[in-house]
């Protein structure tokens, strides 16, 4: 093995209050960072999955739903009790759908899947549009 970059990472374990289940679409990276900064989220754990919550409700492969839920459970070792679960407008995994009502239904269903498996976790379904973020209530 050959060292290719010198950097001293912190060794101490950390505690988080939040995690984000987010799609990898870079068009929404700016709003994600701004939202985190505006809400003073310091060390939120990221769970970046192409398609985000879509894979919980209508997975392409049967194992996808369990895989995502297992990632959430593993990261809960960092102590978070809030999960912000995102779907965004014009998502390729959703066929480029641009209907906000479609994503609202998708997010409600995904939140139900998460809550059914992981009790005590606060799930905030977030719809990312090109003009900002919306909480699905």
N, C-alpha and C. Protein backbone atom coordinates (compact mmCIF):
# COMPACT_ATOMS: atom_id res chain seq x y z
N UNK A 1 0.85 -1.17 0.00
CA UNK A 1 0.00 0.00 0.00
C UNK A 1 0.90 1.24 0.00
N UNK A 2 0.48 2.25 -0.78
CA UNK A 2 1.26 3.48 -0.90
C UNK A 2 0.37 4.66 -0.54
N UNK A 3 0.83 5.47 0.40
CA UNK A 3 0.08 6.65 0.82
C UNK A 3 0.03 7.64 -0.33
N UNK A 4 -1.18 8.14 -0.62
CA UNK A 4 -1.33 9.08 -1.72
C UNK A 4 -1.79 10.47 -1.27
N UNK A 5 -2.15 10.60 0.03
CA UNK A 5 -2.58 11.90 0.54
C UNK A 5 -2.37 11.92 2.04
N UNK A 6 -1.79 12.98 2.53
CA UNK A 6 -1.49 13.13 3.94
C UNK A 6 -2.58 13.98 4.59
N UNK A 7 -3.24 13.42 5.62
CA UNK A 7 -4.31 14.14 6.32
C UNK A 7 -4.56 13.47 7.66
N UNK A 8 -4.74 14.26 8.71
CA UNK A 8 -4.99 13.72 10.04
C UNK A 8 -6.49 13.79 10.34
N UNK A 9 -7.18 12.66 10.24
CA UNK A 9 -8.61 12.59 10.54
C UNK A 9 -8.81 12.48 12.04
N UNK A 10 -9.92 13.05 12.56
CA UNK A 10 -10.18 12.91 14.00
C UNK A 10 -10.45 11.46 14.38
N UNK A 11 -9.95 11.05 15.51
CA UNK A 11 -10.11 9.66 15.96
C UNK A 11 -11.32 9.47 16.87
N UNK A 12 -11.81 10.54 17.45
CA UNK A 12 -12.91 10.43 18.41
C UNK A 12 -14.21 10.04 17.71
N UNK A 13 -14.99 9.20 18.38
CA UNK A 13 -16.31 8.86 17.87
C UNK A 13 -17.20 10.08 17.99
N UNK A 14 -18.22 10.14 17.17
CA UNK A 14 -19.08 11.31 17.18
C UNK A 14 -20.54 10.90 17.35
N UNK A 15 -21.34 11.90 17.68
CA UNK A 15 -22.78 11.72 17.88
C UNK A 15 -23.50 12.69 16.94
N UNK A 16 -24.52 12.19 16.26
CA UNK A 16 -25.34 13.01 15.37
C UNK A 16 -26.77 13.03 15.85
N UNK A 17 -27.45 14.13 15.56
CA UNK A 17 -28.87 14.23 15.84
C UNK A 17 -29.70 13.88 14.61
N UNK A 18 -29.13 14.04 13.41
CA UNK A 18 -29.87 13.86 12.17
C UNK A 18 -29.10 13.01 11.18
N UNK A 19 -29.88 12.46 10.24
CA UNK A 19 -29.31 11.82 9.06
C UNK A 19 -30.18 12.24 7.88
N UNK A 20 -29.61 12.14 6.70
CA UNK A 20 -30.30 12.49 5.47
C UNK A 20 -30.26 11.32 4.50
N UNK A 21 -31.42 10.89 4.05
CA UNK A 21 -31.52 9.93 2.95
C UNK A 21 -31.79 10.79 1.72
N UNK A 22 -30.81 10.91 0.86
CA UNK A 22 -30.82 11.90 -0.20
C UNK A 22 -30.47 11.24 -1.52
N UNK A 23 -30.98 11.75 -2.60
CA UNK A 23 -30.61 11.29 -3.93
C UNK A 23 -29.26 11.89 -4.31
N UNK A 24 -28.56 11.25 -5.19
CA UNK A 24 -27.23 11.71 -5.58
C UNK A 24 -27.26 12.80 -6.64
N UNK A 25 -28.42 13.26 -7.07
CA UNK A 25 -28.53 14.29 -8.11
C UNK A 25 -27.89 15.60 -7.63
N UNK A 26 -26.83 16.00 -8.26
CA UNK A 26 -26.06 17.18 -7.85
C UNK A 26 -26.81 18.49 -8.02
N UNK A 27 -27.89 18.51 -8.79
CA UNK A 27 -28.67 19.74 -8.93
C UNK A 27 -29.24 20.20 -7.60
N UNK A 28 -29.38 19.29 -6.64
CA UNK A 28 -29.99 19.62 -5.35
C UNK A 28 -28.97 19.65 -4.21
N UNK A 29 -27.70 19.56 -4.54
CA UNK A 29 -26.65 19.62 -3.52
C UNK A 29 -26.61 20.99 -2.85
N UNK A 30 -26.79 22.05 -3.60
CA UNK A 30 -26.76 23.41 -3.05
C UNK A 30 -27.86 23.64 -2.02
N UNK A 31 -29.09 23.23 -2.35
CA UNK A 31 -30.19 23.42 -1.41
C UNK A 31 -30.00 22.54 -0.17
N UNK A 32 -29.41 21.37 -0.37
CA UNK A 32 -29.12 20.49 0.77
C UNK A 32 -28.14 21.16 1.73
N UNK A 33 -27.06 21.68 1.20
CA UNK A 33 -26.06 22.36 2.04
C UNK A 33 -26.66 23.58 2.72
N UNK A 34 -27.45 24.37 1.98
CA UNK A 34 -28.05 25.57 2.55
C UNK A 34 -29.03 25.21 3.67
N UNK A 35 -29.83 24.17 3.47
CA UNK A 35 -30.78 23.73 4.48
C UNK A 35 -30.04 23.28 5.74
N UNK A 36 -28.99 22.50 5.57
CA UNK A 36 -28.21 22.04 6.73
C UNK A 36 -27.61 23.22 7.48
N UNK A 37 -27.06 24.17 6.77
CA UNK A 37 -26.43 25.33 7.38
C UNK A 37 -27.47 26.19 8.09
N UNK A 38 -28.61 26.39 7.47
CA UNK A 38 -29.67 27.21 8.04
C UNK A 38 -30.24 26.60 9.32
N UNK A 39 -30.22 25.28 9.43
CA UNK A 39 -30.76 24.59 10.60
C UNK A 39 -29.67 24.17 11.58
N UNK A 40 -28.46 24.61 11.38
CA UNK A 40 -27.34 24.36 12.27
C UNK A 40 -27.03 22.87 12.43
N UNK A 41 -27.25 22.09 11.39
CA UNK A 41 -26.88 20.69 11.45
C UNK A 41 -25.38 20.59 11.23
N UNK A 42 -24.67 20.10 12.24
CA UNK A 42 -23.22 20.04 12.18
C UNK A 42 -22.71 18.78 11.48
N UNK A 43 -23.07 17.64 12.01
CA UNK A 43 -22.52 16.37 11.55
C UNK A 43 -23.60 15.39 11.14
N UNK A 44 -24.54 15.80 10.34
CA UNK A 44 -25.59 14.89 9.91
C UNK A 44 -25.00 13.79 9.02
N UNK A 45 -25.42 12.56 9.29
CA UNK A 45 -24.94 11.44 8.47
C UNK A 45 -25.65 11.42 7.13
N UNK A 46 -24.90 11.32 6.03
CA UNK A 46 -25.52 11.23 4.71
C UNK A 46 -25.73 9.77 4.29
N UNK A 47 -26.88 9.51 3.71
CA UNK A 47 -27.14 8.23 3.06
C UNK A 47 -27.53 8.61 1.63
N UNK A 48 -26.58 8.52 0.74
CA UNK A 48 -26.76 8.98 -0.63
C UNK A 48 -27.03 7.76 -1.52
N UNK A 49 -28.24 7.70 -2.06
CA UNK A 49 -28.67 6.58 -2.88
C UNK A 49 -29.31 7.15 -4.15
N UNK A 50 -28.88 6.78 -5.34
CA UNK A 50 -29.57 7.24 -6.54
C UNK A 50 -31.06 6.88 -6.45
N UNK A 51 -31.89 7.87 -6.61
CA UNK A 51 -33.33 7.65 -6.49
C UNK A 51 -33.85 7.90 -5.09
N UNK A 52 -32.97 7.99 -4.10
CA UNK A 52 -33.38 8.27 -2.73
C UNK A 52 -34.48 7.35 -2.24
N UNK A 53 -35.58 7.92 -1.77
CA UNK A 53 -36.66 7.15 -1.15
C UNK A 53 -37.42 6.28 -2.14
N UNK A 54 -37.31 6.56 -3.42
CA UNK A 54 -38.04 5.78 -4.43
C UNK A 54 -37.76 4.29 -4.26
N UNK A 55 -36.54 3.96 -3.89
CA UNK A 55 -36.13 2.56 -3.75
C UNK A 55 -36.78 1.87 -2.54
N UNK A 56 -37.33 2.65 -1.63
CA UNK A 56 -38.04 2.05 -0.51
C UNK A 56 -39.45 1.62 -0.90
N UNK A 57 -40.05 2.32 -1.85
CA UNK A 57 -41.45 2.11 -2.22
C UNK A 57 -41.59 1.25 -3.46
N UNK A 58 -40.82 1.56 -4.48
CA UNK A 58 -40.87 0.80 -5.73
C UNK A 58 -39.44 0.45 -6.15
N UNK A 59 -38.84 -0.50 -5.45
CA UNK A 59 -37.44 -0.85 -5.74
C UNK A 59 -37.28 -1.51 -7.10
N UNK A 60 -36.16 -1.24 -7.73
CA UNK A 60 -35.83 -1.90 -9.00
C UNK A 60 -35.46 -3.36 -8.74
N UNK A 61 -34.77 -3.59 -7.63
CA UNK A 61 -34.37 -4.93 -7.23
C UNK A 61 -34.98 -5.22 -5.86
N UNK A 62 -35.45 -6.43 -5.60
CA UNK A 62 -36.12 -6.73 -4.32
C UNK A 62 -35.28 -6.39 -3.09
N UNK A 63 -34.01 -6.49 -3.18
CA UNK A 63 -33.12 -6.27 -2.03
C UNK A 63 -32.94 -4.79 -1.70
N UNK A 64 -33.30 -3.89 -2.60
CA UNK A 64 -33.03 -2.46 -2.40
C UNK A 64 -33.65 -1.91 -1.12
N UNK A 65 -34.89 -2.25 -0.86
CA UNK A 65 -35.58 -1.72 0.33
C UNK A 65 -34.85 -2.13 1.60
N UNK A 66 -34.54 -3.41 1.74
CA UNK A 66 -33.83 -3.88 2.93
C UNK A 66 -32.45 -3.24 3.05
N UNK A 67 -31.77 -3.08 1.93
CA UNK A 67 -30.43 -2.48 1.96
C UNK A 67 -30.49 -1.07 2.53
N UNK A 68 -31.43 -0.26 2.07
CA UNK A 68 -31.52 1.12 2.56
C UNK A 68 -31.89 1.14 4.03
N UNK A 69 -32.85 0.33 4.43
CA UNK A 69 -33.24 0.28 5.84
C UNK A 69 -32.08 -0.18 6.72
N UNK A 70 -31.29 -1.12 6.23
CA UNK A 70 -30.11 -1.57 6.98
C UNK A 70 -29.08 -0.46 7.11
N UNK A 71 -28.91 0.37 6.08
CA UNK A 71 -27.97 1.49 6.17
C UNK A 71 -28.42 2.48 7.24
N UNK A 72 -29.73 2.76 7.28
CA UNK A 72 -30.26 3.65 8.30
C UNK A 72 -30.00 3.06 9.68
N UNK A 73 -30.29 1.78 9.86
CA UNK A 73 -30.09 1.14 11.16
C UNK A 73 -28.62 1.15 11.57
N UNK A 74 -27.72 0.88 10.65
CA UNK A 74 -26.29 0.90 10.97
C UNK A 74 -25.82 2.28 11.41
N UNK A 75 -26.25 3.30 10.70
CA UNK A 75 -25.83 4.65 11.03
C UNK A 75 -26.46 5.16 12.32
N UNK A 76 -27.53 4.54 12.76
CA UNK A 76 -28.15 4.95 14.02
C UNK A 76 -27.21 4.73 15.20
N UNK A 77 -26.14 3.98 14.99
CA UNK A 77 -25.11 3.84 16.00
C UNK A 77 -24.46 5.18 16.35
N UNK A 78 -24.63 6.17 15.48
CA UNK A 78 -24.11 7.51 15.75
C UNK A 78 -25.10 8.33 16.57
N UNK A 79 -26.24 7.74 16.91
CA UNK A 79 -27.16 8.35 17.85
C UNK A 79 -28.30 9.17 17.29
N UNK A 80 -28.40 9.31 15.97
CA UNK A 80 -29.46 10.19 15.46
C UNK A 80 -30.84 9.58 15.67
N UNK A 81 -31.82 10.46 15.81
CA UNK A 81 -33.22 10.07 15.97
C UNK A 81 -34.12 10.82 15.00
N UNK A 82 -33.52 11.56 14.06
CA UNK A 82 -34.27 12.28 13.03
C UNK A 82 -33.68 11.92 11.67
N UNK A 83 -34.57 11.57 10.75
CA UNK A 83 -34.15 11.25 9.39
C UNK A 83 -34.93 12.14 8.43
N UNK A 84 -34.19 12.87 7.61
CA UNK A 84 -34.78 13.68 6.55
C UNK A 84 -34.68 12.86 5.26
N UNK A 85 -35.84 12.42 4.77
CA UNK A 85 -35.90 11.55 3.60
C UNK A 85 -36.37 12.36 2.40
N UNK A 86 -35.57 12.42 1.36
CA UNK A 86 -35.80 13.31 0.24
C UNK A 86 -36.14 12.59 -1.06
N UNK A 87 -37.04 13.21 -1.80
CA UNK A 87 -37.28 12.90 -3.21
C UNK A 87 -37.29 14.24 -3.93
N UNK A 88 -36.87 14.24 -5.18
CA UNK A 88 -36.79 15.52 -5.89
C UNK A 88 -37.47 15.49 -7.24
N UNK A 89 -37.88 16.66 -7.67
CA UNK A 89 -38.52 16.84 -8.95
C UNK A 89 -37.60 16.39 -10.08
N UNK A 90 -38.19 15.85 -11.13
CA UNK A 90 -37.46 15.46 -12.34
C UNK A 90 -36.40 14.39 -12.06
N UNK A 91 -36.71 13.46 -11.16
CA UNK A 91 -35.77 12.40 -10.80
C UNK A 91 -35.73 11.34 -11.90
N UNK A 92 -34.55 11.01 -12.36
CA UNK A 92 -34.40 10.00 -13.41
C UNK A 92 -34.90 8.63 -12.95
N UNK A 93 -34.68 8.31 -11.66
CA UNK A 93 -35.14 7.01 -11.14
C UNK A 93 -36.66 6.92 -11.14
N UNK A 94 -37.32 8.08 -11.17
CA UNK A 94 -38.79 8.13 -11.21
C UNK A 94 -39.28 8.45 -12.61
N UNK A 95 -38.45 8.19 -13.61
CA UNK A 95 -38.83 8.42 -15.00
C UNK A 95 -38.91 9.89 -15.38
N UNK A 96 -38.24 10.75 -14.62
CA UNK A 96 -38.26 12.18 -14.92
C UNK A 96 -39.58 12.85 -14.57
N UNK A 97 -40.35 12.22 -13.71
CA UNK A 97 -41.65 12.74 -13.32
C UNK A 97 -41.51 14.17 -12.75
N UNK A 98 -42.43 15.05 -13.13
CA UNK A 98 -42.40 16.42 -12.63
C UNK A 98 -43.66 16.80 -11.85
N UNK A 99 -44.48 15.81 -11.53
CA UNK A 99 -45.73 16.06 -10.81
C UNK A 99 -45.48 16.03 -9.30
N UNK A 100 -45.61 17.16 -8.61
CA UNK A 100 -45.38 17.19 -7.16
C UNK A 100 -46.27 16.20 -6.40
N UNK A 101 -47.48 15.96 -6.86
CA UNK A 101 -48.39 15.03 -6.17
C UNK A 101 -47.81 13.61 -6.20
N UNK A 102 -47.16 13.24 -7.28
CA UNK A 102 -46.50 11.92 -7.36
C UNK A 102 -45.47 11.79 -6.24
N UNK A 103 -44.64 12.81 -6.09
CA UNK A 103 -43.57 12.77 -5.08
C UNK A 103 -44.14 12.84 -3.66
N UNK A 104 -45.22 13.57 -3.49
CA UNK A 104 -45.86 13.63 -2.18
C UNK A 104 -46.34 12.24 -1.76
N UNK A 105 -46.98 11.52 -2.66
CA UNK A 105 -47.42 10.15 -2.37
C UNK A 105 -46.22 9.23 -2.11
N UNK A 106 -45.20 9.37 -2.94
CA UNK A 106 -44.00 8.56 -2.80
C UNK A 106 -43.36 8.78 -1.43
N UNK A 107 -43.26 10.03 -1.02
CA UNK A 107 -42.63 10.35 0.26
C UNK A 107 -43.45 9.86 1.45
N UNK A 108 -44.77 9.98 1.36
CA UNK A 108 -45.61 9.46 2.44
C UNK A 108 -45.43 7.94 2.57
N UNK A 109 -45.43 7.25 1.45
CA UNK A 109 -45.25 5.80 1.47
C UNK A 109 -43.88 5.41 2.01
N UNK A 110 -42.85 6.13 1.60
CA UNK A 110 -41.50 5.84 2.08
C UNK A 110 -41.40 6.05 3.59
N UNK A 111 -42.00 7.11 4.09
CA UNK A 111 -41.99 7.37 5.53
C UNK A 111 -42.68 6.23 6.28
N UNK A 112 -43.76 5.71 5.72
CA UNK A 112 -44.45 4.57 6.36
C UNK A 112 -43.56 3.34 6.39
N UNK A 113 -42.84 3.08 5.31
CA UNK A 113 -41.93 1.92 5.26
C UNK A 113 -40.86 2.06 6.34
N UNK A 114 -40.29 3.24 6.46
CA UNK A 114 -39.23 3.46 7.45
C UNK A 114 -39.78 3.31 8.86
N UNK A 115 -40.90 3.95 9.14
CA UNK A 115 -41.48 3.90 10.49
C UNK A 115 -41.91 2.49 10.88
N UNK A 116 -42.35 1.70 9.91
CA UNK A 116 -42.76 0.33 10.19
C UNK A 116 -41.58 -0.53 10.63
N UNK A 117 -40.41 -0.22 10.14
CA UNK A 117 -39.22 -1.02 10.46
C UNK A 117 -38.45 -0.47 11.65
N UNK A 118 -38.42 0.87 11.79
CA UNK A 118 -37.58 1.50 12.80
C UNK A 118 -38.46 2.37 13.71
N UNK A 119 -38.82 1.84 14.84
CA UNK A 119 -39.69 2.60 15.75
C UNK A 119 -38.87 3.66 16.47
N UNK A 120 -39.53 4.76 16.79
CA UNK A 120 -38.89 5.82 17.53
C UNK A 120 -38.09 6.80 16.69
N UNK A 121 -37.98 6.55 15.40
CA UNK A 121 -37.25 7.45 14.51
C UNK A 121 -38.21 8.49 13.96
N UNK A 122 -37.87 9.75 14.10
CA UNK A 122 -38.68 10.82 13.51
C UNK A 122 -38.29 10.93 12.04
N UNK A 123 -39.27 10.77 11.16
CA UNK A 123 -39.01 10.83 9.73
C UNK A 123 -39.66 12.08 9.17
N UNK A 124 -38.85 12.89 8.49
CA UNK A 124 -39.34 14.11 7.86
C UNK A 124 -39.24 13.94 6.34
N UNK A 125 -40.36 13.68 5.66
CA UNK A 125 -40.32 13.54 4.20
C UNK A 125 -40.17 14.92 3.55
N UNK A 126 -39.15 15.07 2.75
CA UNK A 126 -38.81 16.35 2.13
C UNK A 126 -38.88 16.22 0.61
N UNK A 127 -39.63 17.12 -0.01
CA UNK A 127 -39.69 17.19 -1.47
C UNK A 127 -38.79 18.35 -1.92
N UNK A 128 -37.83 18.05 -2.76
CA UNK A 128 -36.93 19.07 -3.30
C UNK A 128 -37.41 19.46 -4.69
N UNK A 129 -37.84 20.71 -4.81
CA UNK A 129 -38.23 21.27 -6.09
C UNK A 129 -37.13 22.24 -6.52
N UNK A 130 -37.25 22.77 -7.70
CA UNK A 130 -36.21 23.68 -8.18
C UNK A 130 -36.29 25.05 -7.53
N UNK A 131 -37.34 25.29 -6.73
CA UNK A 131 -37.46 26.58 -6.04
C UNK A 131 -37.32 26.44 -4.52
N UNK A 132 -36.96 25.25 -4.03
CA UNK A 132 -36.77 25.07 -2.59
C UNK A 132 -37.22 23.72 -2.11
N UNK A 133 -37.30 23.57 -0.78
CA UNK A 133 -37.68 22.32 -0.15
C UNK A 133 -39.06 22.44 0.46
N UNK A 134 -39.80 21.34 0.45
CA UNK A 134 -41.14 21.29 1.00
C UNK A 134 -41.26 20.10 1.94
N UNK A 135 -41.82 20.32 3.13
CA UNK A 135 -42.08 19.24 4.06
C UNK A 135 -43.42 18.63 3.72
N UNK A 136 -43.45 17.32 3.52
CA UNK A 136 -44.69 16.61 3.25
C UNK A 136 -45.32 16.26 4.60
N UNK A 137 -46.51 16.77 4.83
CA UNK A 137 -47.17 16.56 6.12
C UNK A 137 -48.30 15.57 6.01
